[in-house]
Amino acid sequence: MKKLLCFGHRGAAGHAPENTLTSVETAIALGADWIEIDVYLVDGELVVFHDARLERTTNGQGYLEKQSLDYLRTLDAGEGERIPLLREVLERVDHRVGINIELKGAHTAAATARQLDLYLSASGGNWEQFLISSFNHHELRLVKQLRPQLRTGVLIYCLPLDYARMAEALGAYSIHPSCEFLNRSLVIDAHQRGLKVFPYTVNDEETLAQMKALEVDGVFTDYPELVSGVGRG
């Protein structure tokens, strides 16, 4: 039986403030194979954050992309954590697990490609440590044009009429569908096209069993121990 890959969603969002260095470390400790984080571009730096606005997860206000980097770095992202930069996450992970970078904001494809160039030239490693995903097909096309060796994943929030055809056309490595609508037909179609299937967000035993029955290749979860079994039993 193939190993079901565990993607720590925003680190280990069920245990620590999401998209923070502590959340990333917690996910690794709980046996995640991959860490999933989200990035926006602010003042020339890639910041790790999920929402367009600051209020839900920080003590700040307003749209993230309209703020200065200096302001963002003063905010409490939960339990005293700060909003990290992508380069800080790369340095902290230090090749221990794979990193799935979701492109959230505009102009993130080119900036991410440049950041990974710098990281790999300084630290070694290889491009297969990274998976770049997005709902934004333009950014996915661009990152693939800039760095053809990068693996990309297409995020899907509803059942596509053409199943995984668009992902194949984009030259993607994987599809990342919501577990709420994923069915066997989509999994079979994706696999026939040579694509991996990594659904989100699987946070309970029942849903995990359903995903295993569909023979997906991995899952995103806020609770990595649910998949890895670390610390359980």
Foldseek 3Di string as FASTA:
>chain_A
DAAAAEEAEQQQVVPFQGVFLVSVVVNVLLPHQEYEWEWDAAPLFTWTDDDQFDPPQWPDGDGPNVDHPVVQQVIQRGPNTGTDTPLVNCVSCLLVHAYEYEYDYPPVLVSVLVSVVVSCVVRPDDQVSYEYEYCDLVSLLVNCVVPVPHAYEYEEEEQDPVQCVVCLVSVHQAYEYALVHDDLVSCVVQVVSNHAYEYDDDEDPVSVVVVVVSVGRYYYYSRRCSRRVPPHD
